[in-house]
Structures are given as C-alpha cells and as structure tokens.
Amino acid sequence: MIVPPPPDDVQKPGSSPRFKLFSPILAGATLKERLIGCLGALIGICLTGLVCGFIFGDDPQLPLIVAPIGASAVLLFAVPASPLAQPWSIIGGNTISALIGVTVSYFVKDQMVAIGLAVALAILAMSLTLSLHPPGGAAALTAVIGGAAIARAGFWFPFIPVAINSLILVGLGIVFHRMARRQYPHRPAVALVNTHETADPPPALRVGFNSEDIDLAIARLNETLDVSRADIDALLREVELQALIRQRGELTCADIMSRDVVTVPADTTPDHARYLLLKHDIRTLPVLDENGKLQGTVGLRELAGKEAGSKLPIAVAANANPSDPAISLLPRLTDGMTHAVVILDDDEKVVGIISQTDLLATLAKSISQNGASEIMRGHGQGI
C-alpha cells in the first residue's frame, strides 16, 4: 500500500502525542468514504444472505453465506480501486481457493499440515490466475476446518455457496457503486501513447520520469504495492501537475482565452466548416446545438474525406471553466490529439477557447517573467 503519513500526524520533539479520530490510514480514506463503505457492506452482506436464503431454502446443513465473504465486502466497499477488490479477484480468488482447500482436505488427512498447505497453494493458484484476493486464504482454510456441513458438501462447496455468494456480492457492489457515482470495476489509467504512429515517445514522456523509472523505484522499495503500476504512473503525473498549478497557477483560463470564438451549428455542412477552418487558420471549431450549448468540436481531421452532402462529423470536446488555472490544461493540450480546449460558463455556453499556441505563449511569458524576477533578486543580494 502507498501510505503517505499526513504531516499533522508527525510527532514533533517535545510535543505530546495526539490522537485524531478517523485520521485516514489509506490515501483518500476520508470519513465520508468510510461511511459509504459501511453502508455498502450493510446492504451487500444483508442482500447476499437474503438472496442465498431464497435460493437454498432453509436447509440447516448448508451455510447460506461463508465468513470470507465478510472480508471480501471490506475490500469491495472500502477500497474498490484496489486490484485485490476487482470482480475477478473476488469471484475467482474465493472460488479457486475454496476448491484448493477442498482438494487438500481430501488428500491430506493431517489437519495441521492441511491448513498450511491449503493457504499456501491458494496463494499460488490465485497468483497464477491473476485473482489474488486475501479472503481467498480464509476460503481455503474454511474448506479444511469448516466442519461436518462443509465436509458433506465436498466439491460442491467452492461453487455452492462460495461462488454464488461471491457473484451476488460483486453484482450488488457494481450496482451500489454506480448509484453512489463511484467507479467500479476500477479502470486503470490509460497508458500514454504516441497518437501520430511514429517512433517518438509521447510529448509528456520526453521530459521527466518514464515507465522504466517507475519499475526501478518499485524494485528499490522491495515491496508489493496494493496499487497498479498504471495508477502509480497516473498519480505521479497528477502530482507533477498539481505542483505546477501551485507554482504557476495564478493565471486562469479567463485570463488567456480567446473570446471571439468562431463556432458552427450542428447542421452546418462539412464544406462550410472546412472553409471556416482555413479562412481563420484555426484547427478546431466548437459545434453548438439549437440552444447554443456545446455539442462537440470539428476539425480538419474529422472532415477528411467527407463529401459535401454528408453529415457534419462531431468529436467529443475538451472543455474547462473560466476560473480553472490555465496551466491545468497542459495535459490535454499535449496529449497529441487535442488542439484546443473550449471554455464554458455555468450554463454550458461557449465563452472562449484556448489553443496550444495560447498556452505556449502564456508559459513562455511566465517563465521569462520568473527568470527576470530571479535576476533582479540576485542583483538585490549583491550577486
């Protein structure tokens, strides 16, 4: 796990220890997130038990829900972005581990040997099937020491109830997270690629750290992190952006945007859109719907090969708010695809546009001014 200790929690020399209730242990683990996780676990476990009770009936010889599902719920609802909490990890990890446990108990009669062997082989099996899930170890252990009911179930136990419990819990988790407007299953950050199909690395990877640096850093830590490599890359790039915003975020989009924006209605023809792009020597035209709201953008790339009578091809628009820091547009305007960001007001009306040239000119001026300030400070100190 990446566990950055909050600065406020560091005990200074001579200071008394402080206890902070609900102080986050994991990055992003706020009280609100934990309460959402509690609610999700309550709903998920209760409904899983109810559904399994409806399916299996009142058979006292068959457990409706197994204990490892409680641990699975902790991961699913409290840390849904963890690689260990993804659908295949929960379903595959629990089922495969339970199957390993049943198999070991069938062949190994010494229980002390069987419990260790079951958990060890479960870890190996989950690793090989890319379904590593900590509660899987408990599922394997339950299969060995679960008692008469588990023994009678035999090789059905990994499927009924373990697989059924896991499937229902994951299904409920997906619905719950969607209703809570949280992303689940977690989608790892998309790796940066060169969209121009040349051998050069993407612009964002030509300066600063790269994937090899991340691999070396992870190797130097000599630990297994509960976060995907792609997410580490995305997190570090976001840290770089936030530091840049802090250092050079005084200018907003409203300060540098072009306000006299050339736009087209959605029913314009490809020929007219191409004419406006060439006439004004621009690369992006915002496309407006009948209410004057942004519908998307069109550029020469979209218009390539379009005939006069065809429908206007509209691409998804990159947009921002006038109060956003101008420097925050840097990742989008250097992704190799986006040539301009459309600036919208609170009513989703177009109030401006910022091109790559606009941002480049702003950065150049900012760097020049900062350099001049450093020189002036140096002269003032007798340098």
Protein backbone atom coordinates (compact mmCIF):
# COMPACT_ATOMS: atom_id res chain seq x y z
CA MET A 1 0.00 0.00 0.00
CA ILE A 2 1.10 3.59 -0.60
CA VAL A 3 0.59 5.13 2.84
CA PRO A 4 1.80 8.74 2.93
CA PRO A 5 1.68 9.86 6.60
CA PRO A 6 -0.17 13.17 6.94
CA PRO A 7 2.18 15.93 8.11
CA ASP A 8 -0.16 16.75 11.01
CA ASP A 9 0.32 13.25 12.40
CA VAL A 10 4.09 13.56 12.75
CA GLN A 11 5.01 13.97 16.39
CA LYS A 12 7.49 16.79 16.89
CA PRO A 13 10.21 16.67 19.56
CA GLY A 14 8.88 17.84 22.90
CA SER A 15 5.25 17.66 21.79
CA SER A 16 2.66 15.41 23.39
CA PRO A 17 1.11 12.55 21.40
CA ARG A 18 -2.15 13.43 19.71
CA PHE A 19 -4.99 11.14 18.79
CA LYS A 20 -7.01 12.13 15.74
CA LEU A 21 -10.33 10.34 15.45
CA PHE A 22 -10.95 8.96 11.97
CA SER A 23 -7.49 10.01 10.80
CA PRO A 24 -7.12 8.44 7.34
CA ILE A 25 -4.80 5.45 7.17
CA LEU A 26 -5.06 4.98 3.41
CA ALA A 27 -4.68 7.78 0.87
CA GLY A 28 -8.14 9.22 0.18
CA ALA A 29 -9.73 7.35 3.11
CA THR A 30 -11.96 10.14 4.41
CA LEU A 31 -14.74 9.66 6.94
CA LYS A 32 -17.30 10.16 4.16
CA GLU A 33 -15.72 7.40 2.08
CA ARG A 34 -15.67 5.06 5.07
CA LEU A 35 -19.35 5.72 5.83
CA ILE A 36 -20.21 4.97 2.21
CA GLY A 37 -18.23 1.73 2.55
CA CYS A 38 -20.13 0.83 5.74
CA LEU A 39 -23.46 1.40 4.02
CA GLY A 40 -22.37 -0.67 1.03
CA ALA A 41 -21.23 -3.56 3.25
CA LEU A 42 -24.50 -3.46 5.19
CA ILE A 43 -26.58 -3.63 2.03
CA GLY A 44 -24.29 -6.08 0.24
CA ILE A 45 -24.00 -8.65 3.04
CA CYS A 46 -27.69 -8.49 4.00
CA LEU A 47 -28.92 -8.86 0.43
CA THR A 48 -26.41 -11.61 -0.30
CA GLY A 49 -27.72 -13.56 2.68
CA LEU A 50 -31.36 -12.94 1.71
CA VAL A 51 -30.83 -13.97 -1.93
CA CYS A 52 -28.91 -17.10 -0.95
CA GLY A 53 -31.62 -17.94 1.59
CA PHE A 54 -34.22 -17.64 -1.15
CA ILE A 55 -32.14 -19.85 -3.48
CA PHE A 56 -31.05 -22.51 -0.99
CA GLY A 57 -34.10 -22.53 1.29
CA ASP A 58 -33.90 -23.35 4.97
CA ASP A 59 -31.55 -26.32 4.72
CA PRO A 60 -29.69 -26.27 8.08
CA GLN A 61 -26.94 -28.46 6.63
CA LEU A 62 -25.92 -25.84 4.06
CA PRO A 63 -24.40 -22.47 5.07
CA LEU A 64 -26.17 -19.57 3.37
CA ILE A 65 -23.09 -17.37 3.41
CA VAL A 66 -19.46 -18.11 4.28
CA ALA A 67 -17.26 -15.99 6.56
CA PRO A 68 -14.70 -14.95 3.87
CA ILE A 69 -17.47 -13.00 2.11
CA GLY A 70 -17.38 -10.54 5.01
CA ALA A 71 -13.71 -9.87 4.29
CA SER A 72 -14.49 -9.58 0.58
CA ALA A 73 -17.08 -6.93 1.43
CA VAL A 74 -14.46 -4.86 3.25
CA LEU A 75 -12.32 -4.72 0.11
CA LEU A 76 -15.25 -4.29 -2.27
CA PHE A 77 -16.89 -1.38 -0.45
CA ALA A 78 -13.99 0.24 1.45
CA VAL A 79 -11.19 0.10 -1.17
CA PRO A 80 -12.96 -0.55 -4.50
CA ALA A 81 -9.98 0.72 -6.53
CA SER A 82 -7.66 -1.95 -5.13
CA PRO A 83 -6.54 -4.63 -7.62
CA LEU A 84 -7.46 -7.12 -4.86
CA ALA A 85 -11.10 -5.95 -4.89
CA GLN A 86 -11.93 -6.32 -8.57
CA PRO A 87 -14.70 -8.70 -9.74
CA TRP A 88 -12.40 -11.47 -10.97
CA SER A 89 -10.28 -11.21 -7.83
CA ILE A 90 -13.34 -11.69 -5.61
CA ILE A 91 -15.11 -14.38 -7.63
CA GLY A 92 -12.08 -16.23 -8.92
CA GLY A 93 -10.00 -15.81 -5.75
CA ASN A 94 -12.68 -17.13 -3.41
CA THR A 95 -13.83 -19.97 -5.66
CA ILE A 96 -10.38 -21.19 -6.67
CA SER A 97 -9.11 -21.01 -3.11
CA ALA A 98 -12.10 -22.93 -1.77
CA LEU A 99 -11.51 -25.57 -4.44
CA ILE A 100 -7.87 -25.81 -3.38
CA GLY A 101 -8.94 -26.20 0.25
CA VAL A 102 -11.42 -28.98 -0.50
CA THR A 103 -8.84 -30.81 -2.62
CA VAL A 104 -6.16 -30.58 0.06
CA SER A 105 -8.55 -31.80 2.78
CA TYR A 106 -9.48 -34.75 0.58
CA PHE A 107 -5.88 -35.91 0.10
CA VAL A 108 -4.15 -34.70 3.30
CA LYS A 109 -5.60 -36.16 6.48
CA ASP A 110 -3.30 -34.40 8.96
CA GLN A 111 -5.26 -31.20 9.62
CA MET A 112 -2.26 -29.21 10.82
CA VAL A 113 -0.45 -29.93 7.58
CA ALA A 114 -3.60 -29.45 5.53
CA ILE A 115 -4.38 -25.94 6.80
CA GLY A 116 -0.92 -24.60 5.95
CA LEU A 117 -0.79 -26.37 2.60
CA ALA A 118 -4.27 -25.16 1.63
CA VAL A 119 -3.47 -21.49 2.25
CA ALA A 120 -0.05 -21.70 0.58
CA LEU A 121 -1.43 -23.41 -2.53
CA ALA A 122 -4.35 -20.97 -2.63
CA ILE A 123 -1.92 -18.04 -2.78
CA LEU A 124 -0.04 -19.77 -5.59
CA ALA A 125 -3.21 -20.59 -7.53
CA MET A 126 -4.60 -17.07 -7.16
CA SER A 127 -1.29 -15.57 -8.28
CA LEU A 128 -1.14 -17.78 -11.37
CA THR A 129 -4.76 -16.98 -12.31
CA LEU A 130 -4.37 -13.22 -11.60
CA SER A 131 -7.11 -13.42 -8.97
CA LEU A 132 -5.18 -12.62 -5.78
CA HIS A 133 -7.75 -11.87 -3.07
CA PRO A 134 -6.85 -12.01 0.67
CA PRO A 135 -10.20 -13.53 1.75
CA GLY A 136 -9.35 -16.41 -0.57
CA GLY A 137 -6.93 -17.64 2.09
CA ALA A 138 -9.84 -17.75 4.54
CA ALA A 139 -11.97 -19.60 1.96
CA ALA A 140 -9.25 -22.26 1.62
CA LEU A 141 -8.95 -22.52 5.40
CA THR A 142 -12.74 -22.79 5.82
CA ALA A 143 -12.81 -25.68 3.37
CA VAL A 144 -10.37 -27.59 5.61
CA ILE A 145 -11.70 -26.77 9.11
CA GLY A 146 -15.30 -25.88 8.30
CA GLY A 147 -16.81 -28.92 9.99
CA ALA A 148 -19.33 -31.54 9.02
CA ALA A 149 -21.50 -29.32 6.80
CA ILE A 150 -18.54 -28.34 4.63
CA ALA A 151 -17.30 -31.93 4.52
CA ARG A 152 -20.72 -33.16 3.36
CA ALA A 153 -20.84 -30.51 0.64
CA GLY A 154 -17.48 -31.77 -0.67
CA PHE A 155 -16.51 -30.41 -4.07
CA TRP A 156 -19.83 -28.54 -4.31
CA PHE A 157 -18.68 -26.17 -1.54
CA PRO A 158 -16.47 -23.97 -3.79
CA PHE A 159 -19.47 -23.37 -6.06
CA ILE A 160 -22.38 -23.51 -3.62
CA PRO A 161 -22.24 -21.31 -1.62
CA VAL A 162 -18.78 -19.72 -2.18
CA ALA A 163 -19.07 -18.86 -5.91
CA ILE A 164 -22.76 -17.94 -5.55
CA ASN A 165 -22.02 -15.67 -2.58
CA SER A 166 -19.17 -14.01 -4.49
CA LEU A 167 -21.21 -13.48 -7.66
CA ILE A 168 -24.12 -11.92 -5.78
CA LEU A 169 -21.82 -9.70 -3.71
CA VAL A 170 -19.97 -8.43 -6.80
CA GLY A 171 -23.25 -7.77 -8.63
CA LEU A 172 -24.59 -5.79 -5.68
CA GLY A 173 -21.27 -3.96 -5.41
CA ILE A 174 -21.41 -2.86 -9.05
CA VAL A 175 -24.96 -1.54 -8.62
CA PHE A 176 -24.13 0.20 -5.33
CA HIS A 177 -21.04 1.96 -6.67
CA ARG A 178 -22.89 3.08 -9.78
CA MET A 179 -25.66 4.56 -7.64
CA ALA A 180 -23.05 6.24 -5.43
CA ARG A 181 -21.38 7.61 -8.60
CA ARG A 182 -18.15 5.77 -7.88
CA GLN A 183 -16.14 3.91 -10.47
CA TYR A 184 -16.33 0.13 -10.13
CA PRO A 185 -14.88 -2.04 -11.55
CA HIS A 186 -11.82 0.16 -11.36
CA ARG A 187 -10.41 1.13 -14.74
CA PRO A 188 -6.63 1.60 -14.59
CA ALA A 189 -5.25 4.78 -16.11
CA VAL A 190 -4.68 4.55 -19.86
CA ALA A 191 -1.00 4.45 -20.76
CA LEU A 192 0.27 7.40 -22.78
CA VAL A 193 0.91 6.56 -26.43
CA ASN A 194 2.14 8.45 -29.48
CA THR A 195 -1.03 9.08 -31.47
CA HIS A 196 0.95 10.03 -34.57
CA GLU A 197 2.21 6.44 -35.06
CA THR A 198 5.87 7.45 -35.11
CA ALA A 199 8.77 6.07 -33.07
CA ASP A 200 8.96 9.12 -30.80
CA PRO A 201 7.56 8.78 -27.26
CA PRO A 202 4.51 10.92 -26.41
CA PRO A 203 5.34 14.55 -25.51
CA ALA A 204 4.57 14.03 -21.82
CA LEU A 205 7.15 11.21 -21.62
CA ARG A 206 10.05 13.04 -23.26
CA VAL A 207 10.90 15.02 -20.13
CA GLY A 208 10.65 13.84 -16.54
CA PHE A 209 10.11 10.29 -15.34
CA ASN A 210 9.15 7.34 -17.56
CA SER A 211 7.93 3.77 -17.09
CA GLU A 212 11.45 2.45 -16.55
CA ASP A 213 11.91 4.90 -13.67
CA ILE A 214 8.71 3.61 -12.04
CA ASP A 215 9.84 0.00 -12.41
CA LEU A 216 13.23 0.80 -10.86
CA ALA A 217 11.62 2.70 -7.97
CA ILE A 218 9.27 -0.20 -7.22
CA ALA A 219 12.19 -2.63 -7.37
CA ARG A 220 14.18 -0.43 -4.96
CA LEU A 221 11.27 -0.39 -2.48
CA ASN A 222 11.36 -4.20 -2.49
CA GLU A 223 7.66 -4.37 -1.57
CA THR A 224 4.46 -5.43 -3.30
CA LEU A 225 2.18 -2.39 -3.56
CA ASP A 226 -1.61 -2.65 -3.46
CA VAL A 227 -1.96 -0.35 -6.47
CA SER A 228 -1.48 -0.98 -10.17
CA ARG A 229 1.59 0.29 -11.98
CA ALA A 230 -0.61 2.30 -14.37
CA ASP A 231 -2.29 4.03 -11.41
CA ILE A 232 1.12 4.86 -9.91
CA ASP A 233 2.08 6.48 -13.22
CA ALA A 234 -1.17 8.48 -13.32
CA LEU A 235 -0.81 9.53 -9.68
CA LEU A 236 2.76 10.79 -10.15
CA ARG A 237 1.77 12.77 -13.25
CA GLU A 238 -1.13 14.31 -11.35
CA VAL A 239 1.30 15.24 -8.55
CA GLU A 240 3.52 16.95 -11.12
CA LEU A 241 0.51 18.85 -12.50
CA GLN A 242 -0.69 19.95 -9.05
CA ALA A 243 2.81 21.18 -8.19
CA LEU A 244 2.90 23.12 -11.46
CA ILE A 245 -0.52 24.63 -10.73
CA ARG A 246 0.68 25.66 -7.27
CA GLN A 247 3.80 27.28 -8.70
CA ARG A 248 2.28 28.86 -11.81
CA GLY A 249 -1.46 28.75 -11.23
CA GLU A 250 -2.07 32.46 -10.83
CA LEU A 251 -3.42 32.81 -14.39
CA THR A 252 -6.90 31.43 -15.08
CA CYS A 253 -8.45 30.29 -18.32
CA ALA A 254 -10.42 33.55 -18.42
CA ASP A 255 -7.13 35.49 -18.47
CA ILE A 256 -5.72 33.90 -21.61
CA MET A 257 -8.69 32.56 -23.60
CA SER A 258 -9.75 33.90 -26.98
CA ARG A 259 -13.21 35.38 -26.56
CA ASP A 260 -14.22 35.98 -30.18
CA VAL A 261 -14.87 32.29 -30.87
CA VAL A 262 -15.73 31.03 -34.34
CA THR A 263 -18.48 28.42 -33.94
CA VAL A 264 -20.81 26.45 -36.22
CA PRO A 265 -24.28 24.98 -35.71
CA ALA A 266 -24.65 21.21 -35.75
CA ASP A 267 -26.47 21.28 -39.10
CA THR A 268 -23.68 23.09 -40.97
CA THR A 269 -22.11 21.32 -43.95
CA PRO A 270 -18.61 19.81 -43.95
CA ASP A 271 -17.65 22.19 -46.78
CA HIS A 272 -18.63 25.28 -44.78
CA ALA A 273 -16.83 24.03 -41.68
CA ARG A 274 -13.70 23.37 -43.76
CA TYR A 275 -13.97 26.87 -45.27
CA LEU A 276 -14.11 28.50 -41.81
CA LEU A 277 -11.15 26.49 -40.51
CA LEU A 278 -8.99 27.52 -43.46
CA LYS A 279 -10.21 31.13 -43.54
CA HIS A 280 -9.43 31.77 -39.86
CA ASP A 281 -6.36 29.49 -39.87
CA ILE A 282 -7.62 27.53 -36.86
CA ARG A 283 -7.73 23.81 -36.12
CA THR A 284 -10.89 23.45 -34.01
CA LEU A 285 -14.47 24.68 -34.38
CA PRO A 286 -16.90 24.34 -31.47
CA VAL A 287 -20.22 22.87 -32.64
CA LEU A 288 -23.38 24.24 -30.98
CA ASP A 289 -26.84 22.69 -30.69
CA GLU A 290 -30.10 24.55 -31.29
CA ASN A 291 -29.94 26.02 -27.76
CA GLY A 292 -26.45 27.42 -28.25
CA LYS A 293 -24.83 24.83 -25.97
CA LEU A 294 -21.66 22.98 -26.84
CA GLN A 295 -22.28 19.70 -28.62
CA GLY A 296 -18.70 18.92 -29.60
CA THR A 297 -15.95 20.08 -31.93
CA VAL A 298 -14.91 19.53 -35.53
CA GLY A 299 -11.52 19.89 -37.16
CA LEU A 300 -9.75 19.05 -40.39
CA ARG A 301 -9.01 15.57 -39.06
CA GLU A 302 -12.74 14.82 -38.71
CA LEU A 303 -13.55 16.45 -42.03
CA ALA A 304 -11.00 14.44 -44.04
CA GLY A 305 -12.77 12.54 -46.82
CA LYS A 306 -16.22 13.90 -46.00
CA GLU A 307 -18.34 14.72 -49.05
CA ALA A 308 -20.40 17.86 -49.47
CA GLY A 309 -23.75 16.24 -48.68
CA SER A 310 -22.62 14.22 -45.69
CA LYS A 311 -23.42 14.94 -42.06
CA LEU A 312 -21.00 17.03 -40.03
CA PRO A 313 -18.70 14.71 -38.02
CA ILE A 314 -18.60 15.87 -34.41
CA ALA A 315 -15.89 14.85 -31.94
CA VAL A 316 -16.07 14.97 -28.16
CA ALA A 317 -14.92 18.38 -26.95
CA ALA A 318 -12.31 19.06 -24.29
CA ASN A 319 -13.72 21.81 -22.07
CA ALA A 320 -12.91 23.78 -18.94
CA ASN A 321 -14.30 26.53 -16.73
CA PRO A 322 -13.13 30.18 -16.94
CA SER A 323 -11.92 30.03 -13.32
CA ASP A 324 -9.76 26.92 -13.84
CA PRO A 325 -5.99 27.51 -13.72
CA ALA A 326 -4.73 27.88 -17.27
CA ILE A 327 -1.78 25.59 -16.53
CA SER A 328 -4.23 22.75 -15.71
CA LEU A 329 -4.95 22.43 -19.46
CA LEU A 330 -1.39 21.30 -20.11
CA PRO A 331 -2.03 17.52 -20.07
CA ARG A 332 -4.93 17.78 -22.51
CA LEU A 333 -3.20 20.13 -24.91
CA THR A 334 -0.12 17.90 -25.05
CA ASP A 335 -1.88 14.54 -25.50
CA GLY A 336 -1.27 14.59 -29.26
CA MET A 337 -4.99 14.74 -30.10
CA THR A 338 -6.43 17.90 -28.53
CA HIS A 339 -5.57 21.17 -30.28
CA ALA A 340 -7.89 23.44 -28.29
CA VAL A 341 -9.98 23.45 -25.11
CA VAL A 342 -13.40 25.09 -25.20
CA ILE A 343 -14.20 27.29 -22.19
CA LEU A 344 -17.80 27.05 -20.94
CA ASP A 345 -19.73 29.11 -18.41
CA ASP A 346 -22.08 27.60 -15.82
CA ASP A 347 -24.86 27.41 -18.43
CA GLU A 348 -22.64 25.35 -20.75
CA LYS A 349 -22.41 28.26 -23.20
CA VAL A 350 -19.16 28.87 -25.06
CA VAL A 351 -17.36 31.93 -23.69
CA GLY A 352 -13.87 31.30 -25.02
CA ILE A 353 -11.33 28.89 -26.42
CA ILE A 354 -7.69 28.18 -25.57
CA SER A 355 -5.40 26.71 -28.20
CA GLN A 356 -1.99 25.09 -27.85
CA THR A 357 -0.48 28.37 -29.08
CA ASP A 358 -2.32 30.37 -26.40
CA LEU A 359 -0.99 28.16 -23.62
CA LEU A 360 2.52 28.03 -25.07
CA ALA A 361 2.68 31.83 -25.24
CA THR A 362 1.45 32.08 -21.64
CA LEU A 363 4.04 29.58 -20.40
CA ALA A 364 6.84 31.35 -22.27
CA LYS A 365 5.88 34.70 -20.79
CA SER A 366 5.55 33.22 -17.28
CA ILE A 367 8.99 31.60 -17.49
CA SER A 368 10.50 34.82 -18.84
CA GLN A 369 8.99 36.92 -16.05
CA ASN A 370 10.08 34.46 -13.36
CA GLY A 371 13.60 34.45 -14.78
CA ALA A 372 13.74 38.23 -14.74
CA SER A 373 12.49 38.28 -11.15
CA GLU A 374 15.22 35.84 -10.10
CA ILE A 375 17.86 38.04 -11.76
CA MET A 376 16.51 41.14 -10.01
CA ARG A 377 16.54 39.36 -6.64
CA GLY A 378 20.10 38.25 -7.34
CA HIS A 379 21.24 41.83 -8.03
CA GLY A 380 19.48 43.00 -4.88
CA GLN A 381 21.53 40.49 -2.88
CA GLY A 382 24.79 41.62 -4.46
CA ILE A 383 25.18 38.62 -6.76
